[in-house]
Protein backbone atom coordinates (compact mmCIF):
# COMPACT_ATOMS: atom_id res chain seq x y z
CA MET A 1 0.00 0.00 0.00
CA ASP A 2 2.87 2.39 0.79
CA ASN A 3 4.35 1.92 -2.68
CA PHE A 4 0.92 2.46 -4.23
CA LEU A 5 0.45 5.73 -2.35
CA LYS A 6 3.94 6.93 -3.26
CA MET A 7 3.33 6.09 -6.90
CA LEU A 8 -0.08 7.77 -6.85
CA ASP A 9 1.49 10.92 -5.43
CA THR A 10 4.18 10.84 -8.11
CA GLN A 11 1.55 10.43 -10.83
CA MET A 12 -0.32 13.46 -9.55
CA VAL A 13 2.86 15.52 -9.73
CA LEU A 14 3.48 14.32 -13.30
CA MET A 15 -0.07 15.28 -14.24
CA VAL A 16 0.56 18.80 -12.98
CA TYR A 17 3.74 18.98 -15.10
CA MET A 18 1.77 17.74 -18.11
CA ALA A 19 -0.96 20.32 -17.53
CA VAL A 20 1.67 23.08 -17.42
CA GLY A 21 3.08 21.86 -20.73
CA PHE A 22 -0.40 21.86 -22.26
CA ILE A 23 -1.07 25.43 -21.09
CA CYS A 24 2.33 26.60 -22.34
CA ALA A 25 1.59 25.12 -25.77
CA LYS A 26 -1.89 26.68 -25.87
CA LYS A 27 -0.39 30.08 -24.98
CA ASP A 28 2.37 29.53 -27.58
CA ILE A 29 5.06 29.75 -24.90
CA ILE A 30 6.29 26.41 -26.21
CA ASP A 31 6.00 26.27 -30.01
CA GLN A 32 7.09 23.47 -32.33
CA HIS A 33 10.67 24.75 -32.48
CA ALA A 34 10.92 25.06 -28.70
CA LYS A 35 9.42 21.58 -28.30
CA GLN A 36 12.16 20.07 -30.45
CA LYS A 37 14.90 21.94 -28.60
CA ILE A 38 13.57 20.91 -25.20
CA THR A 39 13.39 17.29 -26.38
CA ASP A 40 17.03 17.51 -27.50
CA LEU A 41 17.93 19.01 -24.11
CA ILE A 42 16.27 16.11 -22.29
CA LEU A 43 17.78 13.35 -24.42
CA ASN A 44 21.28 14.80 -24.72
CA VAL A 45 21.80 16.53 -21.36
CA ALA A 46 19.22 16.08 -18.59
CA LEU A 47 18.55 12.32 -18.87
CA PRO A 48 22.24 11.37 -19.24
CA CYS A 49 22.99 13.45 -16.13
CA MET A 50 20.25 11.64 -14.21
CA ILE A 51 21.65 8.29 -15.31
CA PHE A 52 25.25 9.17 -14.45
CA ALA A 53 24.23 10.54 -11.04
CA SER A 54 22.62 7.19 -10.19
CA PHE A 55 25.99 5.40 -10.35
CA ASN A 56 27.05 6.19 -6.82
CA GLU A 57 26.03 3.00 -5.02
CA PRO A 58 28.66 0.93 -3.14
CA LEU A 59 29.73 -1.86 -5.51
CA THR A 60 29.46 -5.29 -3.90
CA ALA A 61 29.20 -8.83 -5.27
CA GLU A 62 25.46 -8.76 -4.50
CA VAL A 63 24.96 -5.47 -6.37
CA ILE A 64 26.83 -6.84 -9.42
CA HIS A 65 24.73 -10.02 -9.36
CA ASP A 66 21.48 -8.07 -9.07
CA ALA A 67 22.53 -5.74 -11.89
CA GLU A 68 23.27 -8.75 -14.11
CA MET A 69 19.82 -10.20 -13.36
CA VAL A 70 18.12 -6.89 -14.14
CA LEU A 71 20.02 -6.65 -17.44
CA ILE A 72 19.05 -10.20 -18.44
CA VAL A 73 15.39 -9.60 -17.56
CA ALA A 74 15.35 -6.34 -19.53
CA ALA A 75 16.91 -8.04 -22.56
CA CYS A 76 14.31 -10.82 -22.46
CA ILE A 77 11.47 -8.30 -22.24
CA THR A 78 12.94 -6.39 -25.19
CA PHE A 79 13.09 -9.56 -27.31
CA LEU A 80 9.51 -10.44 -26.31
CA SER A 81 8.31 -6.94 -27.22
CA TYR A 82 9.98 -7.05 -30.63
CA PHE A 83 8.90 -10.52 -31.75
CA GLY A 84 5.50 -10.22 -30.09
CA GLY A 85 4.84 -7.01 -32.02
CA ARG A 86 5.46 -8.82 -35.29
CA VAL A 87 2.59 -11.18 -34.51
CA LEU A 88 0.15 -9.02 -32.56
CA TYR A 89 -0.27 -6.26 -35.16
CA SER A 90 -0.09 -8.24 -38.40
CA ARG A 91 -3.69 -7.41 -39.35
CA PHE A 92 -3.22 -3.63 -39.28
CA PRO A 93 -2.34 -1.41 -42.29
CA ASP A 94 1.38 -0.95 -42.81
CA ALA A 95 1.57 2.70 -41.66
CA LYS A 96 -0.19 1.89 -38.37
CA LYS A 97 1.50 -1.48 -37.97
CA ARG A 98 4.96 0.08 -37.94
CA ILE A 99 3.92 2.58 -35.27
CA LEU A 100 2.23 -0.06 -33.11
CA ARG A 101 5.26 -2.36 -33.32
CA TYR A 102 7.68 0.44 -32.45
CA SER A 103 5.45 1.66 -29.60
CA THR A 104 5.45 -1.84 -28.13
CA LEU A 105 9.22 -2.22 -28.46
CA VAL A 106 10.38 1.25 -27.38
CA ASN A 107 8.82 2.77 -24.28
CA ASN A 108 9.21 5.96 -22.31
CA SER A 109 11.24 4.43 -19.49
CA GLY A 110 13.85 7.18 -19.71
CA PHE A 111 11.48 10.14 -19.86
CA ILE A 112 8.99 9.05 -17.21
CA GLY A 113 10.08 5.72 -15.77
CA MET A 114 13.23 7.00 -14.10
CA ALA A 115 11.23 9.61 -12.19
CA MET A 116 8.80 6.97 -10.96
CA VAL A 117 11.57 4.63 -9.84
CA ASP A 118 13.30 7.52 -8.07
CA SER A 119 10.11 8.40 -6.17
CA ILE A 120 9.68 4.84 -4.88
CA TYR A 121 13.17 3.40 -4.54
CA GLY A 122 15.48 6.44 -4.47
CA ALA A 123 19.12 6.46 -5.64
CA GLU A 124 19.55 2.70 -5.27
CA GLY A 125 16.56 2.12 -7.52
CA LEU A 126 17.87 4.59 -10.11
CA PHE A 127 21.09 2.61 -10.38
CA TYR A 128 19.25 -0.57 -11.35
CA ALA A 129 16.86 1.40 -13.56
CA SER A 130 19.84 2.79 -15.48
CA ILE A 131 20.99 -0.78 -16.13
CA PHE A 132 17.48 -1.90 -17.06
CA ILE A 133 17.02 0.67 -19.83
CA ILE A 134 20.21 -0.39 -21.70
CA PRO A 135 18.55 -3.07 -23.90
CA ASN A 136 15.66 -0.75 -24.70
CA ARG A 137 18.02 2.03 -25.77
CA ILE A 138 19.98 -0.41 -27.94
CA ALA A 139 16.75 -1.69 -29.50
CA MET A 140 15.61 1.88 -30.19
CA TRP A 141 18.44 2.50 -32.65
CA THR A 142 18.70 -1.00 -34.12
CA ALA A 143 15.54 -3.12 -34.23
CA GLY A 144 13.40 0.01 -33.71
CA ILE A 145 14.79 1.82 -36.74
CA SER A 146 14.49 -1.35 -38.82
CA ILE A 147 10.73 -1.29 -38.24
CA PHE A 148 10.50 1.98 -40.19
CA THR A 149 13.31 1.56 -42.71
CA THR A 150 16.17 -0.66 -43.78
CA ALA A 151 19.13 0.63 -41.82
CA SER A 152 22.63 -0.78 -41.95
CA LEU A 153 24.00 -2.56 -38.90
CA LYS A 154 26.94 -0.14 -38.92
CA ASP A 155 24.68 2.92 -38.68
CA GLY A 156 22.61 1.30 -35.96
CA LEU A 157 25.63 0.41 -33.84
CA LYS A 158 27.04 3.90 -34.33
CA LYS A 159 23.83 5.44 -33.00
CA VAL A 160 23.91 3.08 -30.02
CA LEU A 161 27.53 3.77 -29.12
CA LEU A 162 27.09 7.53 -29.50
CA ASN A 163 23.79 7.66 -27.64
CA PRO A 164 24.23 10.01 -24.65
CA CYS A 165 22.36 7.66 -22.33
CA ILE A 166 24.60 4.72 -23.22
CA ILE A 167 27.67 6.94 -22.79
CA ALA A 168 26.35 8.03 -19.38
CA VAL A 169 25.97 4.36 -18.35
CA ALA A 170 29.51 3.59 -19.55
CA LEU A 171 30.97 6.54 -17.65
CA GLY A 172 28.92 5.62 -14.60
CA LEU A 173 30.25 2.06 -14.68
CA VAL A 174 33.82 3.37 -14.97
CA ARG A 175 33.17 5.53 -11.94
CA GLU A 176 31.70 2.58 -10.02
CA PHE A 177 34.56 0.19 -10.74
CA THR A 178 37.41 2.68 -10.32
CA GLY A 179 35.98 4.73 -7.48
CA PHE A 180 37.12 7.88 -9.30
CA PRO A 181 36.00 10.82 -7.15
CA LEU A 182 34.37 13.95 -8.51
CA PRO A 183 34.32 17.29 -6.67
CA ASP A 184 31.14 17.74 -4.67
CA PHE A 185 30.06 20.77 -6.69
CA ILE A 186 30.24 18.78 -9.94
CA ASP A 187 28.27 15.90 -8.41
CA SER A 188 25.64 18.36 -7.20
CA ALA A 189 25.46 20.12 -10.57
CA ILE A 190 25.03 16.83 -12.46
CA ALA A 191 22.33 15.66 -10.05
CA GLY A 192 20.54 19.02 -10.29
CA ILE A 193 20.49 18.92 -14.08
CA GLY A 194 19.24 15.34 -13.95
CA ASP A 195 16.38 16.40 -11.68
CA THR A 196 14.96 18.54 -14.51
CA THR A 197 14.29 15.43 -16.63
CA SER A 198 10.86 14.67 -15.19
CA PRO A 199 9.22 18.11 -15.43
CA LEU A 200 10.68 18.84 -18.86
CA SER A 201 9.60 15.44 -20.18
CA MET A 202 6.04 15.88 -18.98
CA PHE A 203 5.95 19.43 -20.39
CA ILE A 204 6.63 17.90 -23.81
CA ILE A 205 3.97 15.21 -23.34
CA GLY A 206 1.54 17.96 -22.32
CA THR A 207 2.21 19.93 -25.51
CA MET A 208 1.15 16.85 -27.52
CA LEU A 209 -2.35 17.12 -26.04
CA VAL A 210 -3.02 20.29 -28.01
CA GLY A 211 -5.25 19.52 -30.98
CA ILE A 212 -5.98 15.93 -29.92
CA SER A 213 -9.61 15.24 -28.99
CA LEU A 214 -10.71 12.65 -26.47
CA GLY A 215 -12.66 10.81 -29.17
CA SER A 216 -9.59 10.43 -31.38
CA MET A 217 -7.71 8.75 -28.53
CA ILE A 218 -10.41 6.14 -27.98
CA GLU A 219 -9.58 4.17 -31.09
CA PRO A 220 -9.62 0.34 -30.95
CA SER A 221 -6.08 -0.03 -32.27
CA ILE A 222 -4.72 2.46 -29.71
CA LEU A 223 -6.63 0.82 -26.86
CA TYR A 224 -5.28 -2.54 -28.04
CA LEU A 225 -1.75 -1.11 -27.95
CA SER A 226 -2.41 0.31 -24.48
CA PHE A 227 -3.47 -3.10 -23.19
CA ILE A 228 -0.37 -4.79 -24.61
CA ARG A 229 2.07 -2.05 -23.63
CA LEU A 230 0.70 -1.12 -20.19
CA ILE A 231 -0.92 -4.27 -18.83
CA ALA A 232 0.05 -7.48 -20.64
CA LEU A 233 3.82 -6.89 -20.85
CA PRO A 234 4.34 -5.81 -17.20
CA ILE A 235 2.17 -8.67 -15.91
CA ILE A 236 4.12 -11.20 -17.99
CA ALA A 237 7.31 -9.64 -16.67
CA LEU A 238 6.10 -9.87 -13.07
CA VAL A 239 5.19 -13.56 -13.45
CA VAL A 240 8.66 -14.31 -14.80
CA LEU A 241 10.32 -12.19 -12.11
CA ASN A 242 8.46 -14.08 -9.37
CA LEU A 243 9.40 -17.42 -10.93
CA ILE A 244 13.11 -16.61 -10.86
CA GLY A 245 12.83 -15.15 -7.36
CA LEU A 246 14.04 -11.62 -8.03
CA PRO A 247 13.99 -9.44 -4.87
CA PRO A 248 10.84 -7.27 -4.49
CA MET A 249 12.67 -4.00 -5.22
CA LEU A 250 14.17 -5.31 -8.47
CA ALA A 251 10.83 -6.84 -9.45
CA GLY A 252 9.12 -3.51 -8.79
CA ILE A 253 11.66 -1.56 -10.85
CA SER A 254 11.41 -4.03 -13.71
CA MET A 255 7.62 -3.95 -13.72
CA ILE A 256 7.43 -0.14 -13.56
CA LEU A 257 9.84 0.30 -16.47
CA THR A 258 8.16 -2.45 -18.50
CA GLY A 259 4.78 -0.79 -18.01
CA MET A 260 5.81 2.59 -19.38
CA PRO A 261 3.89 4.25 -22.26
CA ALA A 262 5.00 4.42 -25.89
CA GLY A 263 8.29 6.25 -26.44
CA SER A 264 8.17 9.87 -27.60
CA THR A 265 10.55 9.01 -30.45
CA THR A 266 7.61 7.20 -32.06
CA VAL A 267 6.32 10.54 -33.33
CA LEU A 268 9.72 11.72 -34.55
CA LEU A 269 10.32 8.54 -36.57
CA ALA A 270 6.77 8.54 -37.95
CA VAL A 271 7.39 12.04 -39.32
CA LYS A 272 10.84 11.19 -40.66
CA TYR A 273 9.87 7.96 -42.40
CA GLY A 274 6.38 8.87 -43.64
CA ALA A 275 4.28 6.64 -41.40
CA ASP A 276 1.33 8.40 -39.69
CA PRO A 277 2.51 11.13 -37.28
CA ASP A 278 -1.02 11.97 -36.13
CA PHE A 279 -1.66 8.34 -35.19
CA ALA A 280 1.77 8.17 -33.54
CA SER A 281 1.02 11.27 -31.44
CA ARG A 282 -2.27 9.78 -30.31
CA CYS A 283 -0.55 6.52 -29.37
CA VAL A 284 2.03 8.33 -27.25
CA VAL A 285 -0.48 10.65 -25.56
CA THR A 286 -3.12 7.98 -24.92
CA THR A 287 -0.70 5.42 -23.47
CA THR A 288 0.88 8.15 -21.33
CA ILE A 289 -2.47 9.24 -19.87
CA ILE A 290 -3.63 5.65 -19.26
CA SER A 291 -0.27 4.79 -17.64
CA LEU A 292 -0.96 7.39 -14.96
CA VAL A 293 -3.67 4.98 -13.78
CA THR A 294 -2.23 1.57 -14.64
CA VAL A 295 1.22 1.97 -13.05
CA PRO A 296 -0.07 2.70 -9.52
CA LEU A 297 -2.52 -0.21 -9.85
CA LEU A 298 0.28 -2.55 -10.91
CA MET A 299 2.11 -1.65 -7.70
CA PHE A 300 -0.53 -3.63 -5.80
CA LEU A 301 0.88 -6.77 -7.43
CA ILE A 302 4.39 -6.33 -6.01
């Protein structure tokens, strides 16, 4: 019950952030150009800082073992999401099918999930969450891109290796294993920048609400995606986690991050590769709004 109440409180805060973003977009404080720049700021600066700041836990044999288990679980969920998407959406038109498959594979664990994990499990939870998102970030620029276009393996690997979040994980691991100290003011600055990830991310989600009617979000294909993305996948993950006996905290982190809404990059790729950006926007917004209800409810299962 405590975790449920903490998560519910966090969701209310995120809803306020989202409402502020919506108002800013309506008042033209955040226009399309500003939205893109803020998104770049989140992905290239704020989120990597949040990830790097999480790598400050004492490194023990137990921590290494738990991190390995989290990584394996995350990789299995990523494989399930990719191959499951190929089967689950086969009956849909190509433009929608690509978006539904990508939305199932790539979620918003970095934008929103990290904030939720932080609210429940604190710095220790963020460390494991940073490990958990690695397979999803790799899939985003490899299997994810392949859903929309034929991309070379070389280009995909280059995007993975140069991804700021992956670089932040690598630097964090170096820091963990070497114990290399940073001045307190740098640590504080990095943590402070990382703390802006949640409000900025929800501002951007809020701006997507402008021009989208409630009726357009209640579309069978989007509701179907929401069920798969927000309910089926995290429940499957929880069953597996319980079978292998993962500690409750790690199970909770894994379930929260598995149950995140469709990734915001869905819209960007739909625009770039000529899919259906309007449908992509509705998928992201609808799954995000529904997740504000489903994630706290899933906490009852932990």
